[in-house]
Amino acid sequence: MKLLTANRLTDGAVLWLAGRNMWTEDFDNAAVLDAATADGALAIAQDEPGLLIAPYLVEVDDDGVDRRERLREAIRAKGPSVGHSVKAPR
């Protein structure tokens, strides 16, 4: 099982393929694809240079992102890792 992810060209937001030509920022709405469907979807996404940056496939298991995947995928699945710190008063 695989998910297809990319970044949106206009703002860099992480996107997940939710359905045919439908993208979402919500990991929970990502479509789980079999190998053949995933390869076809990746080929289509790679032909969208005006919309997407660097689409690629991510292996998943029943619990979501496969534990063997890189830390990057776990972070992408949970959302941005910046903008959460509080600035100290000056």
C-alpha atoms as a PDB file:
ATOM      1  CA  MET A   1       0.000   0.000   0.000  1.00  0.00           C
ATOM      2  CA  LYS A   2       1.228   3.473  -0.831  1.00  0.00           C
ATOM      3  CA  LEU A   3       0.362   7.139  -0.481  1.00  0.00           C
ATOM      4  CA  LEU A   4       1.288   9.824  -2.974  1.00  0.00           C
ATOM      5  CA  THR A   5       2.648  13.061  -1.571  1.00  0.00           C
ATOM      6  CA  ALA A   6       4.102  16.275  -2.972  1.00  0.00           C
ATOM      7  CA  ASN A   7       4.428  19.932  -2.128  1.00  0.00           C
ATOM      8  CA  ARG A   8       2.223  22.625  -3.638  1.00  0.00           C
ATOM      9  CA  LEU A   9       4.229  24.928  -5.892  1.00  0.00           C
ATOM     10  CA  THR A  10       2.610  28.168  -4.728  1.00  0.00           C
ATOM     11  CA  ASP A  11       3.259  27.880  -0.979  1.00  0.00           C
ATOM     12  CA  GLY A  12       5.164  24.643  -0.343  1.00  0.00           C
ATOM     13  CA  ALA A  13       2.322  23.056   1.640  1.00  0.00           C
ATOM     14  CA  VAL A  14       2.446  19.274   1.973  1.00  0.00           C
ATOM     15  CA  LEU A  15      -0.226  17.637  -0.159  1.00  0.00           C
ATOM     16  CA  TRP A  16      -1.553  14.072  -0.217  1.00  0.00           C
ATOM     17  CA  LEU A  17      -3.474  12.536  -3.103  1.00  0.00           C
ATOM     18  CA  ALA A  18      -7.057  12.125  -1.900  1.00  0.00           C
ATOM     19  CA  GLY A  19      -8.594  10.827  -5.106  1.00  0.00           C
ATOM     20  CA  ARG A  20      -8.328  11.148  -8.827  1.00  0.00           C
ATOM     21  CA  ASN A  21      -6.788  14.601  -9.406  1.00  0.00           C
ATOM     22  CA  MET A  22      -7.869  15.675  -5.904  1.00  0.00           C
ATOM     23  CA  TRP A  23      -5.243  16.745  -3.367  1.00  0.00           C
ATOM     24  CA  THR A  24      -5.602  17.425   0.350  1.00  0.00           C
ATOM     25  CA  GLU A  25      -3.470  18.927   3.102  1.00  0.00           C
ATOM     26  CA  ASP A  26      -5.072  16.489   5.574  1.00  0.00           C
ATOM     27  CA  PHE A  27      -3.089  13.259   5.941  1.00  0.00           C
ATOM     28  CA  ASP A  28      -6.205  11.471   7.227  1.00  0.00           C
ATOM     29  CA  ASN A  29      -7.910  12.022   3.848  1.00  0.00           C
ATOM     30  CA  ALA A  30      -5.045  10.579   1.782  1.00  0.00           C
ATOM     31  CA  ALA A  31      -5.984   7.753  -0.562  1.00  0.00           C
ATOM     32  CA  VAL A  32      -4.267   4.419   0.056  1.00  0.00           C
ATOM     33  CA  LEU A  33      -3.221   3.033  -3.322  1.00  0.00           C
ATOM     34  CA  ASP A  34      -2.194  -0.403  -4.539  1.00  0.00           C
ATOM     35  CA  ALA A  35       1.125  -0.650  -6.400  1.00  0.00           C
ATOM     36  CA  ALA A  36      -0.261  -0.365  -9.941  1.00  0.00           C
ATOM     37  CA  THR A  37      -2.569   2.545  -9.117  1.00  0.00           C
ATOM     38  CA  ALA A  38       0.206   4.295  -7.191  1.00  0.00           C
ATOM     39  CA  ASP A  39       2.653   4.085 -10.097  1.00  0.00           C
ATOM     40  CA  GLY A  40       0.065   5.496 -12.496  1.00  0.00           C
ATOM     41  CA  ALA A  41      -0.875   8.308 -10.117  1.00  0.00           C
ATOM     42  CA  LEU A  42       2.804   9.199  -9.654  1.00  0.00           C
ATOM     43  CA  ALA A  43       3.304   9.428 -13.427  1.00  0.00           C
ATOM     44  CA  ILE A  44       0.327  11.786 -13.700  1.00  0.00           C
ATOM     45  CA  ALA A  45       1.518  13.915 -10.752  1.00  0.00           C
ATOM     46  CA  GLN A  46       4.983  14.251 -12.289  1.00  0.00           C
ATOM     47  CA  ASP A  47       3.316  15.857 -15.309  1.00  0.00           C
ATOM     48  CA  GLU A  48       1.891  18.684 -13.136  1.00  0.00           C
ATOM     49  CA  PRO A  49       4.944  20.999 -12.828  1.00  0.00           C
ATOM     50  CA  GLY A  50       2.713  24.076 -12.527  1.00  0.00           C
ATOM     51  CA  LEU A  51       0.981  22.659  -9.448  1.00  0.00           C
ATOM     52  CA  LEU A  52       3.265  20.193  -7.654  1.00  0.00           C
ATOM     53  CA  ILE A  53       6.879  19.948  -6.561  1.00  0.00           C
ATOM     54  CA  ALA A  54       8.659  16.584  -6.307  1.00  0.00           C
ATOM     55  CA  PRO A  55       5.788  14.089  -5.991  1.00  0.00           C
ATOM     56  CA  TYR A  56       6.769  10.677  -4.635  1.00  0.00           C
ATOM     57  CA  LEU A  57       5.274   7.530  -3.127  1.00  0.00           C
ATOM     58  CA  VAL A  58       5.341   6.601   0.565  1.00  0.00           C
ATOM     59  CA  GLU A  59       4.944   3.028   1.865  1.00  0.00           C
ATOM     60  CA  VAL A  60       2.220   2.639   4.484  1.00  0.00           C
ATOM     61  CA  ASP A  61       0.978  -0.115   6.752  1.00  0.00           C
ATOM     62  CA  ASP A  62      -2.286  -0.515   8.662  1.00  0.00           C
ATOM     63  CA  ASP A  63      -1.156   2.089  11.212  1.00  0.00           C
ATOM     64  CA  GLY A  64      -0.268   4.740   8.642  1.00  0.00           C
ATOM     65  CA  VAL A  65       3.255   5.642   7.555  1.00  0.00           C
ATOM     66  CA  ASP A  66       5.377   2.510   7.682  1.00  0.00           C
ATOM     67  CA  ARG A  67       7.717   2.520  10.682  1.00  0.00           C
ATOM     68  CA  ARG A  68      10.621   1.780   8.356  1.00  0.00           C
ATOM     69  CA  GLU A  69      10.136   5.035   6.490  1.00  0.00           C
ATOM     70  CA  ARG A  70      12.379   7.970   7.142  1.00  0.00           C
ATOM     71  CA  LEU A  71      11.673  10.433   9.936  1.00  0.00           C
ATOM     72  CA  ARG A  72      10.724  12.971   7.278  1.00  0.00           C
ATOM     73  CA  GLU A  73       7.578  11.040   6.399  1.00  0.00           C
ATOM     74  CA  ALA A  74       6.418  10.855  10.015  1.00  0.00           C
ATOM     75  CA  ILE A  75       6.901  14.611  10.334  1.00  0.00           C
ATOM     76  CA  ARG A  76       5.085  15.288   7.040  1.00  0.00           C
ATOM     77  CA  ALA A  77       2.176  13.116   8.178  1.00  0.00           C
ATOM     78  CA  LYS A  78       1.784  15.074  11.421  1.00  0.00           C
ATOM     79  CA  GLY A  79       2.091  18.552   9.915  1.00  0.00           C
ATOM     80  CA  PRO A  80       4.561  21.438   9.995  1.00  0.00           C
ATOM     81  CA  SER A  81       7.451  21.356  12.429  1.00  0.00           C
ATOM     82  CA  VAL A  82       7.965  25.119  12.344  1.00  0.00           C
ATOM     83  CA  GLY A  83       5.945  27.962  13.799  1.00  0.00           C
ATOM     84  CA  HIS A  84       5.157  26.212  17.070  1.00  0.00           C
ATOM     85  CA  SER A  85       7.773  27.805  19.294  1.00  0.00           C
ATOM     86  CA  VAL A  86       7.025  30.845  21.398  1.00  0.00           C
ATOM     87  CA  LYS A  87       9.346  33.794  21.053  1.00  0.00           C
ATOM     88  CA  ALA A  88      10.973  34.895  24.277  1.00  0.00           C
ATOM     89  CA  PRO A  89      10.219  38.454  25.345  1.00  0.00           C
ATOM     90  CA  ARG A  90      12.969  40.960  24.527  1.00  0.00           C
END
